[in-house]
Amino acid sequence: GLRINALKIDPKAWQALRPFPLEPVPWCPTGFYYSADSRPGKHPYHAAGLYYIQEPSAMAAVEMLDVQPGETVLDLAAAPGGKATQAGAALQGDGLLLVNEIHPGRAAVLAENVERFGIRNAVVTNERPDRLAERFPAFFDKILVDAPCSGEGMFRKEPQAVEEWSPDNVRRCASRQDAILDEAAKMLKPGGKLVYSTCTFSPEENEGTVARFLDRHPDFQLVRHRLAAYFAPGRPDWGDGRPGLADCVRIWPHRVRGEGHFVALLVKSAEEEACFGRHATGSENRRGQGWTGTGRSA
């Protein structure tokens, strides 16, 4: 699939301009399927940033995050930039997008893709999640955690993912996901939305990770998004049995035109926000909004 860049071309104009046959992706208004012989990566439009080549299932996560102009948005594990550029386009130049990648080489690729897409209101960081959380407490309206995972959903098209898989790797990934989500929770504003996604089928990394997160963070609630109608529900019996896990989304490659994916939408309680609004003034209020002063950049 590919996703057109509404920052550079009007979707209606794209219909007349498109250089090869395309079919719409049902769950993403700017997403399209292309045929195997189209080779969109070789076309000058790709170099110009008119579209991003992206697996169709992967487009669902940012659509469920529902990014709006003017918001502060964090993509915590953003390379190579598919979901980051999708979020940046949704901001329409208004607001702030922080995209982070912990590996320096991948962060460089991320920066290139953000630049090619023409996203001017973005900051690219190369940091650990815990260090970002120190600098941005309760700062973001929306956060995407497209977590490092065992990659079972990519087995069909990436033989290397099969070779790297092991039960120990699944356990390591699940532990890493727990730690990343805990830091993301610190950076989300009260009332904010967090989307957790993976490209694996592993219950330990999907329903299991969400269930463990909810146990640690009772101020979060798992909610069902309207796009869930396109996909299969989560499996409570693959987590801890709580019925609410059915509000997660499982994207099965034998049921839709896309690879394997998992998405969960979590909302943080707004009670803390109400508390700040009633009592906080001056510097206390700035801290409530995530203000950290002018210290060393993250």
C-alpha atoms as a PDB file:
ATOM      1  CA  GLY A   1       0.000   0.000   0.000  1.00  0.00           C
ATOM      2  CA  LEU A   2       0.825   3.688  -0.086  1.00  0.00           C
ATOM      3  CA  ARG A   3      -0.530   6.731   1.705  1.00  0.00           C
ATOM      4  CA  ILE A   4      -0.775  10.066  -0.078  1.00  0.00           C
ATOM      5  CA  ASN A   5       0.603  13.207   1.553  1.00  0.00           C
ATOM      6  CA  ALA A   6      -2.211  15.729   2.006  1.00  0.00           C
ATOM      7  CA  LEU A   7       0.396  18.328   3.048  1.00  0.00           C
ATOM      8  CA  LYS A   8       1.637  18.421  -0.538  1.00  0.00           C
ATOM      9  CA  ILE A   9      -1.296  17.429  -2.716  1.00  0.00           C
ATOM     10  CA  ASP A  10      -5.051  17.658  -2.436  1.00  0.00           C
ATOM     11  CA  PRO A  11      -6.623  14.182  -2.316  1.00  0.00           C
ATOM     12  CA  LYS A  12      -9.062  15.177  -5.079  1.00  0.00           C
ATOM     13  CA  ALA A  13      -6.221  16.333  -7.326  1.00  0.00           C
ATOM     14  CA  TRP A  14      -4.404  13.078  -6.606  1.00  0.00           C
ATOM     15  CA  GLN A  15      -7.214  11.090  -8.225  1.00  0.00           C
ATOM     16  CA  ALA A  16      -6.452  12.771 -11.561  1.00  0.00           C
ATOM     17  CA  LEU A  17      -2.675  12.752 -11.105  1.00  0.00           C
ATOM     18  CA  ARG A  18      -2.072   9.205  -9.893  1.00  0.00           C
ATOM     19  CA  PRO A  19       0.419   7.506 -12.218  1.00  0.00           C
ATOM     20  CA  PHE A  20      -0.735   3.890 -11.732  1.00  0.00           C
ATOM     21  CA  PRO A  21      -3.960   2.086 -10.753  1.00  0.00           C
ATOM     22  CA  LEU A  22      -4.923   2.318  -7.095  1.00  0.00           C
ATOM     23  CA  GLU A  23      -7.689   0.980  -4.854  1.00  0.00           C
ATOM     24  CA  PRO A  24      -8.784   2.646  -1.584  1.00  0.00           C
ATOM     25  CA  VAL A  25      -7.833   1.176   1.789  1.00  0.00           C
ATOM     26  CA  PRO A  26     -11.202   1.091   3.624  1.00  0.00           C
ATOM     27  CA  TRP A  27      -9.919   2.192   7.043  1.00  0.00           C
ATOM     28  CA  CYS A  28      -7.615   5.024   5.878  1.00  0.00           C
ATOM     29  CA  PRO A  29      -8.957   7.909   3.724  1.00  0.00           C
ATOM     30  CA  THR A  30      -5.490   8.671   2.328  1.00  0.00           C
ATOM     31  CA  GLY A  31      -4.449   5.020   1.908  1.00  0.00           C
ATOM     32  CA  PHE A  32      -4.436   3.001  -1.315  1.00  0.00           C
ATOM     33  CA  TYR A  33      -3.481  -0.443  -2.565  1.00  0.00           C
ATOM     34  CA  TYR A  34      -1.233  -0.676  -5.628  1.00  0.00           C
ATOM     35  CA  SER A  35      -0.443  -3.658  -7.832  1.00  0.00           C
ATOM     36  CA  ALA A  36       2.811  -5.585  -7.528  1.00  0.00           C
ATOM     37  CA  ASP A  37       4.036  -4.336 -10.916  1.00  0.00           C
ATOM     38  CA  SER A  38       3.492  -0.613 -10.202  1.00  0.00           C
ATOM     39  CA  ARG A  39       6.878   0.018  -8.484  1.00  0.00           C
ATOM     40  CA  PRO A  40       5.852   3.288  -6.733  1.00  0.00           C
ATOM     41  CA  GLY A  41       9.220   3.523  -4.985  1.00  0.00           C
ATOM     42  CA  LYS A  42      10.856   4.183  -8.359  1.00  0.00           C
ATOM     43  CA  HIS A  43       8.543   7.068  -9.302  1.00  0.00           C
ATOM     44  CA  PRO A  44       9.631  10.736  -8.899  1.00  0.00           C
ATOM     45  CA  TYR A  45       6.470  11.381  -6.867  1.00  0.00           C
ATOM     46  CA  HIS A  46       7.920   9.188  -4.128  1.00  0.00           C
ATOM     47  CA  ALA A  47      11.153  11.191  -4.010  1.00  0.00           C
ATOM     48  CA  ALA A  48       9.075  14.376  -3.918  1.00  0.00           C
ATOM     49  CA  GLY A  49       7.200  13.161  -0.860  1.00  0.00           C
ATOM     50  CA  LEU A  50       3.770  12.974  -2.488  1.00  0.00           C
ATOM     51  CA  TYR A  51       3.196   9.589  -0.868  1.00  0.00           C
ATOM     52  CA  TYR A  52       4.682   7.152   1.632  1.00  0.00           C
ATOM     53  CA  ILE A  53       4.874   3.438   0.887  1.00  0.00           C
ATOM     54  CA  GLN A  54       3.220   1.785   3.873  1.00  0.00           C
ATOM     55  CA  GLU A  55       1.691  -1.577   4.645  1.00  0.00           C
ATOM     56  CA  PRO A  56      -2.127  -1.073   4.767  1.00  0.00           C
ATOM     57  CA  SER A  57      -2.719  -2.669   8.187  1.00  0.00           C
ATOM     58  CA  ALA A  58      -0.128  -0.324   9.698  1.00  0.00           C
ATOM     59  CA  MET A  59      -2.266   2.667   8.695  1.00  0.00           C
ATOM     60  CA  ALA A  60      -4.944   1.715  11.232  1.00  0.00           C
ATOM     61  CA  ALA A  61      -3.014   2.722  14.355  1.00  0.00           C
ATOM     62  CA  VAL A  62      -2.760   6.455  13.586  1.00  0.00           C
ATOM     63  CA  GLU A  63      -6.314   6.522  12.258  1.00  0.00           C
ATOM     64  CA  MET A  64      -7.427   5.200  15.652  1.00  0.00           C
ATOM     65  CA  LEU A  65      -5.299   7.819  17.428  1.00  0.00           C
ATOM     66  CA  ASP A  66      -7.424  10.456  15.627  1.00  0.00           C
ATOM     67  CA  VAL A  67      -4.799  13.213  15.492  1.00  0.00           C
ATOM     68  CA  GLN A  68      -6.276  16.717  15.138  1.00  0.00           C
ATOM     69  CA  PRO A  69      -4.643  20.042  14.130  1.00  0.00           C
ATOM     70  CA  GLY A  70      -3.244  21.974  17.075  1.00  0.00           C
ATOM     71  CA  GLU A  71      -2.471  18.946  19.263  1.00  0.00           C
ATOM     72  CA  THR A  72       0.831  17.873  20.792  1.00  0.00           C
ATOM     73  CA  VAL A  73       1.624  14.370  19.553  1.00  0.00           C
ATOM     74  CA  LEU A  74       4.393  11.883  20.367  1.00  0.00           C
ATOM     75  CA  ASP A  75       5.437   8.869  18.303  1.00  0.00           C
ATOM     76  CA  LEU A  76       7.699   7.143  20.817  1.00  0.00           C
ATOM     77  CA  ALA A  77       9.253   4.430  18.607  1.00  0.00           C
ATOM     78  CA  ALA A  78       8.883   6.100  15.246  1.00  0.00           C
ATOM     79  CA  ALA A  79      11.447   4.774  12.725  1.00  0.00           C
ATOM     80  CA  PRO A  80      11.345   4.446   9.811  1.00  0.00           C
ATOM     81  CA  GLY A  81       8.497   6.978   9.831  1.00  0.00           C
ATOM     82  CA  GLY A  82       5.331   5.539   8.309  1.00  0.00           C
ATOM     83  CA  LYS A  83       3.103   6.262  11.279  1.00  0.00           C
ATOM     84  CA  ALA A  84       5.050   9.429  12.154  1.00  0.00           C
ATOM     85  CA  THR A  85       4.442  10.982   8.728  1.00  0.00           C
ATOM     86  CA  GLN A  86       0.801   9.924   8.917  1.00  0.00           C
ATOM     87  CA  ALA A  87       0.414  11.744  12.242  1.00  0.00           C
ATOM     88  CA  GLY A  88       2.314  14.761  10.928  1.00  0.00           C
ATOM     89  CA  ALA A  89       0.065  15.052   7.896  1.00  0.00           C
ATOM     90  CA  ALA A  90      -3.003  14.873  10.152  1.00  0.00           C
ATOM     91  CA  LEU A  91      -1.753  17.885  12.142  1.00  0.00           C
ATOM     92  CA  GLN A  92      -1.895  19.960   8.919  1.00  0.00           C
ATOM     93  CA  GLY A  93       1.005  22.117  10.053  1.00  0.00           C
ATOM     94  CA  ASP A  94      -0.679  23.166  13.309  1.00  0.00           C
ATOM     95  CA  GLY A  95       0.550  21.770  16.639  1.00  0.00           C
ATOM     96  CA  LEU A  96       3.679  19.844  17.549  1.00  0.00           C
ATOM     97  CA  LEU A  97       4.869  16.384  16.566  1.00  0.00           C
ATOM     98  CA  LEU A  98       7.753  14.798  18.468  1.00  0.00           C
ATOM     99  CA  VAL A  99       9.075  11.639  16.826  1.00  0.00           C
ATOM    100  CA  ASN A 100      11.616   9.542  18.690  1.00  0.00           C
ATOM    101  CA  GLU A 101      13.862   6.637  17.802  1.00  0.00           C
ATOM    102  CA  ILE A 102      16.381   5.123  20.219  1.00  0.00           C
ATOM    103  CA  HIS A 103      18.779   3.767  17.541  1.00  0.00           C
ATOM    104  CA  PRO A 104      20.884   6.538  15.930  1.00  0.00           C
ATOM    105  CA  GLY A 105      20.997   5.037  12.440  1.00  0.00           C
ATOM    106  CA  ARG A 106      17.249   4.525  12.344  1.00  0.00           C
ATOM    107  CA  ALA A 107      16.707   8.020  13.746  1.00  0.00           C
ATOM    108  CA  ALA A 108      18.597   9.417  10.743  1.00  0.00           C
ATOM    109  CA  VAL A 109      16.276   7.541   8.371  1.00  0.00           C
ATOM    110  CA  LEU A 110      13.292   8.838  10.351  1.00  0.00           C
ATOM    111  CA  ALA A 111      14.519  12.422  10.005  1.00  0.00           C
ATOM    112  CA  GLU A 112      14.929  11.987   6.244  1.00  0.00           C
ATOM    113  CA  ASN A 113      11.361  10.744   5.849  1.00  0.00           C
ATOM    114  CA  VAL A 114       9.921  13.540   8.002  1.00  0.00           C
ATOM    115  CA  GLU A 115      11.811  16.077   5.899  1.00  0.00           C
ATOM    116  CA  ARG A 116      10.798  14.478   2.601  1.00  0.00           C
ATOM    117  CA  PHE A 117       7.153  14.610   3.681  1.00  0.00           C
ATOM    118  CA  GLY A 118       7.462  18.350   4.392  1.00  0.00           C
ATOM    119  CA  ILE A 119       6.439  18.201   8.064  1.00  0.00           C
ATOM    120  CA  ARG A 120       7.731  21.514   9.440  1.00  0.00           C
ATOM    121  CA  ASN A 121       6.214  21.318  12.935  1.00  0.00           C
ATOM    122  CA  ALA A 122       8.157  18.192  13.933  1.00  0.00           C
ATOM    123  CA  VAL A 123      11.078  17.515  16.273  1.00  0.00           C
ATOM    124  CA  VAL A 124      13.127  14.325  15.811  1.00  0.00           C
ATOM    125  CA  THR A 125      14.818  12.931  18.917  1.00  0.00           C
ATOM    126  CA  ASN A 126      17.206  10.032  19.525  1.00  0.00           C
ATOM    127  CA  GLU A 127      16.545   9.185  23.167  1.00  0.00           C
ATOM    128  CA  ARG A 128      15.482   6.592  25.701  1.00  0.00           C
ATOM    129  CA  PRO A 129      11.810   6.790  26.709  1.00  0.00           C
ATOM    130  CA  ASP A 130      12.678   7.351  30.376  1.00  0.00           C
ATOM    131  CA  ARG A 131      14.794  10.412  29.546  1.00  0.00           C
ATOM    132  CA  LEU A 132      11.999  11.859  27.424  1.00  0.00           C
ATOM    133  CA  ALA A 133       9.570  11.278  30.289  1.00  0.00           C
ATOM    134  CA  GLU A 134      11.822  13.366  32.555  1.00  0.00           C
ATOM    135  CA  ARG A 135      11.505  16.303  30.143  1.00  0.00           C
ATOM    136  CA  PHE A 136       7.865  15.985  29.084  1.00  0.00           C
ATOM    137  CA  PRO A 137       5.675  15.065  32.074  1.00  0.00           C
ATOM    138  CA  ALA A 138       1.948  15.180  31.210  1.00  0.00           C
ATOM    139  CA  PHE A 139       2.798  17.075  28.018  1.00  0.00           C
ATOM    140  CA  PHE A 140       1.180  15.295  25.048  1.00  0.00           C
ATOM    141  CA  ASP A 141      -2.442  15.129  23.924  1.00  0.00           C
ATOM    142  CA  LYS A 142      -1.871  11.952  21.901  1.00  0.00           C
ATOM    143  CA  ILE A 143       0.860   9.295  22.077  1.00  0.00           C
ATOM    144  CA  LEU A 144       1.571   6.405  19.725  1.00  0.00           C
ATOM    145  CA  VAL A 145       3.583   3.437  20.964  1.00  0.00           C
ATOM    146  CA  ASP A 146       4.214   1.217  17.952  1.00  0.00           C
ATOM    147  CA  ALA A 147       6.267  -1.113  20.078  1.00  0.00           C
ATOM    148  CA  PRO A 148       9.283  -3.238  19.141  1.00  0.00           C
ATOM    149  CA  CYS A 149       7.878  -6.762  18.942  1.00  0.00           C
ATOM    150  CA  SER A 150       8.570 -10.329  17.821  1.00  0.00           C
ATOM    151  CA  GLY A 151       7.195  -9.524  14.359  1.00  0.00           C
ATOM    152  CA  GLU A 152       4.993 -12.581  13.818  1.00  0.00           C
ATOM    153  CA  GLY A 153       2.679 -10.514  11.629  1.00  0.00           C
ATOM    154  CA  MET A 154       5.544 -10.012   9.172  1.00  0.00           C
ATOM    155  CA  PHE A 155       6.366 -13.710   8.741  1.00  0.00           C
ATOM    156  CA  ARG A 156       4.570 -13.882   5.390  1.00  0.00           C
ATOM    157  CA  LYS A 157       6.758 -11.277   3.721  1.00  0.00           C
ATOM    158  CA  GLU A 158       9.962 -11.110   5.818  1.00  0.00           C
ATOM    159  CA  PRO A 159      11.873 -14.416   6.169  1.00  0.00           C
ATOM    160  CA  GLN A 160      14.307 -12.733   8.554  1.00  0.00           C
ATOM    161  CA  ALA A 161      11.485 -12.237  11.056  1.00  0.00           C
ATOM    162  CA  VAL A 162      10.969 -16.010  11.100  1.00  0.00           C
ATOM    163  CA  GLU A 163      14.655 -16.647  11.697  1.00  0.00           C
ATOM    164  CA  GLU A 164      14.811 -14.177  14.602  1.00  0.00           C
ATOM    165  CA  TRP A 165      11.727 -15.527  16.404  1.00  0.00           C
ATOM    166  CA  SER A 166      12.003 -17.521  19.633  1.00  0.00           C
ATOM    167  CA  PRO A 167       9.951 -17.899  22.836  1.00  0.00           C
ATOM    168  CA  ASP A 168      12.700 -16.035  24.697  1.00  0.00           C
ATOM    169  CA  ASN A 169      12.453 -13.150  22.235  1.00  0.00           C
ATOM    170  CA  VAL A 170       8.698 -12.964  22.799  1.00  0.00           C
ATOM    171  CA  ARG A 171       9.278 -12.684  26.553  1.00  0.00           C
ATOM    172  CA  ARG A 172      11.984 -10.059  26.095  1.00  0.00           C
ATOM    173  CA  CYS A 173       9.732  -8.020  23.825  1.00  0.00           C
ATOM    174  CA  ALA A 174       6.840  -8.206  26.289  1.00  0.00           C
ATOM    175  CA  SER A 175       9.071  -6.954  29.115  1.00  0.00           C
ATOM    176  CA  ARG A 176      10.388  -4.126  26.940  1.00  0.00           C
ATOM    177  CA  GLN A 177       6.854  -3.140  25.961  1.00  0.00           C
ATOM    178  CA  ASP A 178       5.845  -2.908  29.623  1.00  0.00           C
ATOM    179  CA  ALA A 179       8.708  -0.504  30.311  1.00  0.00           C
ATOM    180  CA  ILE A 180       8.032   1.662  27.250  1.00  0.00           C
ATOM    181  CA  LEU A 181       4.323   1.968  28.022  1.00  0.00           C
ATOM    182  CA  ASP A 182       5.041   2.994  31.612  1.00  0.00           C
ATOM    183  CA  GLU A 183       7.144   5.908  30.358  1.00  0.00           C
ATOM    184  CA  ALA A 184       4.521   6.841  27.762  1.00  0.00           C
ATOM    185  CA  ALA A 185       1.867   6.995  30.490  1.00  0.00           C
ATOM    186  CA  LYS A 186       3.915   9.624  32.329  1.00  0.00           C
ATOM    187  CA  MET A 187       4.034  11.855  29.242  1.00  0.00           C
ATOM    188  CA  LEU A 188       0.316  11.782  28.434  1.00  0.00           C
ATOM    189  CA  LYS A 189      -1.927  14.621  29.603  1.00  0.00           C
ATOM    190  CA  PRO A 190      -4.974  13.785  31.707  1.00  0.00           C
ATOM    191  CA  GLY A 191      -7.769  13.030  29.256  1.00  0.00           C
ATOM    192  CA  GLY A 192      -5.256  12.178  26.537  1.00  0.00           C
ATOM    193  CA  LYS A 193      -5.252   9.177  24.197  1.00  0.00           C
ATOM    194  CA  LEU A 194      -2.589   6.497  23.833  1.00  0.00           C
ATOM    195  CA  VAL A 195      -2.522   3.957  21.009  1.00  0.00           C
ATOM    196  CA  TYR A 196      -0.478   0.800  21.517  1.00  0.00           C
ATOM    197  CA  SER A 197       0.237  -1.294  18.442  1.00  0.00           C
ATOM    198  CA  THR A 198       2.389  -4.223  17.354  1.00  0.00           C
ATOM    199  CA  CYS A 199       2.908  -6.291  14.211  1.00  0.00           C
ATOM    200  CA  THR A 200       2.791  -9.609  16.062  1.00  0.00           C
ATOM    201  CA  PHE A 201       0.132 -12.212  16.899  1.00  0.00           C
ATOM    202  CA  SER A 202       1.725 -13.053  20.258  1.00  0.00           C
ATOM    203  CA  PRO A 203      -0.821 -12.912  23.132  1.00  0.00           C
ATOM    204  CA  GLU A 204       1.967 -12.073  25.591  1.00  0.00           C
ATOM    205  CA  GLU A 205       2.762  -8.913  23.597  1.00  0.00           C
ATOM    206  CA  ASN A 206      -0.809  -7.926  22.766  1.00  0.00           C
ATOM    207  CA  GLU A 207      -3.723  -8.643  25.102  1.00  0.00           C
ATOM    208  CA  GLY A 208      -1.203  -9.645  27.778  1.00  0.00           C
ATOM    209  CA  THR A 209       0.704  -6.369  27.541  1.00  0.00           C
ATOM    210  CA  VAL A 210      -2.512  -4.321  27.623  1.00  0.00           C
ATOM    211  CA  ALA A 211      -3.855  -6.246  30.627  1.00  0.00           C
ATOM    212  CA  ARG A 212      -0.612  -5.784  32.563  1.00  0.00           C
ATOM    213  CA  PHE A 213      -0.597  -2.075  31.717  1.00  0.00           C
ATOM    214  CA  LEU A 214      -4.165  -1.620  32.980  1.00  0.00           C
ATOM    215  CA  ASP A 215      -3.244  -3.391  36.217  1.00  0.00           C
ATOM    216  CA  ARG A 216      -0.366  -0.963  36.745  1.00  0.00           C
ATOM    217  CA  HIS A 217      -2.301   2.101  35.571  1.00  0.00           C
ATOM    218  CA  PRO A 218      -5.891   2.114  36.845  1.00  0.00           C
ATOM    219  CA  ASP A 219      -6.230   5.715  35.595  1.00  0.00           C
ATOM    220  CA  PHE A 220      -6.387   4.355  32.027  1.00  0.00           C
ATOM    221  CA  GLN A 221      -9.386   2.852  30.265  1.00  0.00           C
ATOM    222  CA  LEU A 222      -9.437   0.666  27.174  1.00  0.00           C
ATOM    223  CA  VAL A 223     -11.998   1.916  24.642  1.00  0.00           C
ATOM    224  CA  ARG A 224     -13.443   0.662  21.376  1.00  0.00           C
ATOM    225  CA  HIS A 225     -12.845   2.751  18.236  1.00  0.00           C
ATOM    226  CA  ARG A 226     -15.319   2.921  15.343  1.00  0.00           C
ATOM    227  CA  LEU A 227     -12.675   1.435  12.993  1.00  0.00           C
ATOM    228  CA  ALA A 228     -12.840  -1.769  15.016  1.00  0.00           C
ATOM    229  CA  ALA A 229     -15.766  -2.701  12.789  1.00  0.00           C
ATOM    230  CA  TYR A 230     -13.297  -3.432   9.964  1.00  0.00           C
ATOM    231  CA  PHE A 231     -11.296  -5.934  12.003  1.00  0.00           C
ATOM    232  CA  ALA A 232     -11.514  -8.798  14.484  1.00  0.00           C
ATOM    233  CA  PRO A 233     -11.844  -8.065  18.222  1.00  0.00           C
ATOM    234  CA  GLY A 234      -9.167  -8.739  20.793  1.00  0.00           C
ATOM    235  CA  ARG A 235      -9.213 -12.063  22.622  1.00  0.00           C
ATOM    236  CA  PRO A 236      -9.881 -11.721  26.378  1.00  0.00           C
ATOM    237  CA  ASP A 237      -9.015 -15.395  26.835  1.00  0.00           C
ATOM    238  CA  TRP A 238      -5.531 -14.642  25.463  1.00  0.00           C
ATOM    239  CA  GLY A 239      -4.988 -12.018  28.168  1.00  0.00           C
ATOM    240  CA  ASP A 240      -6.244 -12.235  31.730  1.00  0.00           C
ATOM    241  CA  GLY A 241      -9.858 -12.881  30.786  1.00  0.00           C
ATOM    242  CA  ARG A 242     -11.233  -9.384  31.373  1.00  0.00           C
ATOM    243  CA  PRO A 243     -14.054  -8.776  28.852  1.00  0.00           C
ATOM    244  CA  GLY A 244     -12.825  -5.290  27.943  1.00  0.00           C
ATOM    245  CA  LEU A 245      -9.877  -6.749  26.022  1.00  0.00           C
ATOM    246  CA  ALA A 246     -12.341  -7.457  23.220  1.00  0.00           C
ATOM    247  CA  ASP A 247     -12.156  -3.706  22.498  1.00  0.00           C
ATOM    248  CA  CYS A 248      -8.625  -4.207  21.181  1.00  0.00           C
ATOM    249  CA  VAL A 249      -8.255  -4.820  17.450  1.00  0.00           C
ATOM    250  CA  ARG A 250      -6.638  -7.823  15.790  1.00  0.00           C
ATOM    251  CA  ILE A 251      -5.897  -7.543  12.066  1.00  0.00           C
ATOM    252  CA  TRP A 252      -5.654 -11.021  10.565  1.00  0.00           C
ATOM    253  CA  PRO A 253      -4.013 -11.310   7.107  1.00  0.00           C
ATOM    254  CA  HIS A 254      -6.412 -14.051   6.017  1.00  0.00           C
ATOM    255  CA  ARG A 255      -9.413 -11.788   6.708  1.00  0.00           C
ATOM    256  CA  VAL A 256      -8.344  -8.397   5.303  1.00  0.00           C
ATOM    257  CA  ARG A 257      -5.912  -7.147   2.658  1.00  0.00           C
ATOM    258  CA  GLY A 258      -3.053  -6.440   5.020  1.00  0.00           C
ATOM    259  CA  GLU A 259      -0.449  -8.062   7.227  1.00  0.00           C
ATOM    260  CA  GLY A 260      -0.877  -9.035  10.877  1.00  0.00           C
ATOM    261  CA  HIS A 261      -1.340  -6.188  13.344  1.00  0.00           C
ATOM    262  CA  PHE A 262      -2.706  -5.427  16.815  1.00  0.00           C
ATOM    263  CA  VAL A 263      -4.043  -2.067  18.041  1.00  0.00           C
ATOM    264  CA  ALA A 264      -5.389  -0.911  21.407  1.00  0.00           C
ATOM    265  CA  LEU A 265      -6.778   2.553  22.192  1.00  0.00           C
ATOM    266  CA  LEU A 266      -6.334   3.703  25.800  1.00  0.00           C
ATOM    267  CA  VAL A 267      -7.661   6.913  27.378  1.00  0.00           C
ATOM    268  CA  LYS A 268      -6.208   8.520  30.500  1.00  0.00           C
ATOM    269  CA  SER A 269      -8.569   9.755  33.194  1.00  0.00           C
ATOM    270  CA  ALA A 270      -9.240  13.505  33.076  1.00  0.00           C
ATOM    271  CA  GLU A 271      -9.638  13.858  36.855  1.00  0.00           C
ATOM    272  CA  GLU A 272      -6.075  15.152  37.305  1.00  0.00           C
ATOM    273  CA  GLU A 273      -6.771  17.801  34.673  1.00  0.00           C
ATOM    274  CA  ALA A 274      -9.783  19.029  36.618  1.00  0.00           C
ATOM    275  CA  CYS A 275      -7.658  19.231  39.756  1.00  0.00           C
ATOM    276  CA  PHE A 276      -5.052  21.394  38.026  1.00  0.00           C
ATOM    277  CA  GLY A 277      -7.769  23.621  36.616  1.00  0.00           C
ATOM    278  CA  ARG A 278      -9.247  24.312  40.071  1.00  0.00           C
ATOM    279  CA  HIS A 279      -6.118  24.749  42.151  1.00  0.00           C
ATOM    280  CA  ALA A 280      -2.945  25.296  40.123  1.00  0.00           C
ATOM    281  CA  THR A 281      -1.597  28.762  39.312  1.00  0.00           C
ATOM    282  CA  GLY A 282       1.677  30.199  38.066  1.00  0.00           C
ATOM    283  CA  SER A 283       4.597  27.787  37.927  1.00  0.00           C
ATOM    284  CA  GLU A 284       2.463  24.961  39.342  1.00  0.00           C
ATOM    285  CA  ASN A 285       0.096  25.259  36.394  1.00  0.00           C
ATOM    286  CA  ARG A 286       2.985  25.193  33.933  1.00  0.00           C
ATOM    287  CA  ARG A 287       4.257  22.004  35.519  1.00  0.00           C
ATOM    288  CA  GLY A 288       0.815  20.489  35.066  1.00  0.00           C
ATOM    289  CA  GLN A 289       1.092  21.244  31.344  1.00  0.00           C
ATOM    290  CA  GLY A 290       4.502  19.589  31.099  1.00  0.00           C
ATOM    291  CA  TRP A 291       6.634  22.755  31.327  1.00  0.00           C
ATOM    292  CA  THR A 292      10.240  21.851  32.139  1.00  0.00           C
ATOM    293  CA  GLY A 293      12.088  25.116  31.747  1.00  0.00           C
ATOM    294  CA  THR A 294      15.184  25.670  29.594  1.00  0.00           C
ATOM    295  CA  GLY A 295      17.458  22.882  30.800  1.00  0.00           C
ATOM    296  CA  ARG A 296      19.484  20.548  28.625  1.00  0.00           C
ATOM    297  CA  SER A 297      17.476  19.256  25.678  1.00  0.00           C
ATOM    298  CA  ALA A 298      16.440  15.596  25.681  1.00  0.00           C
END
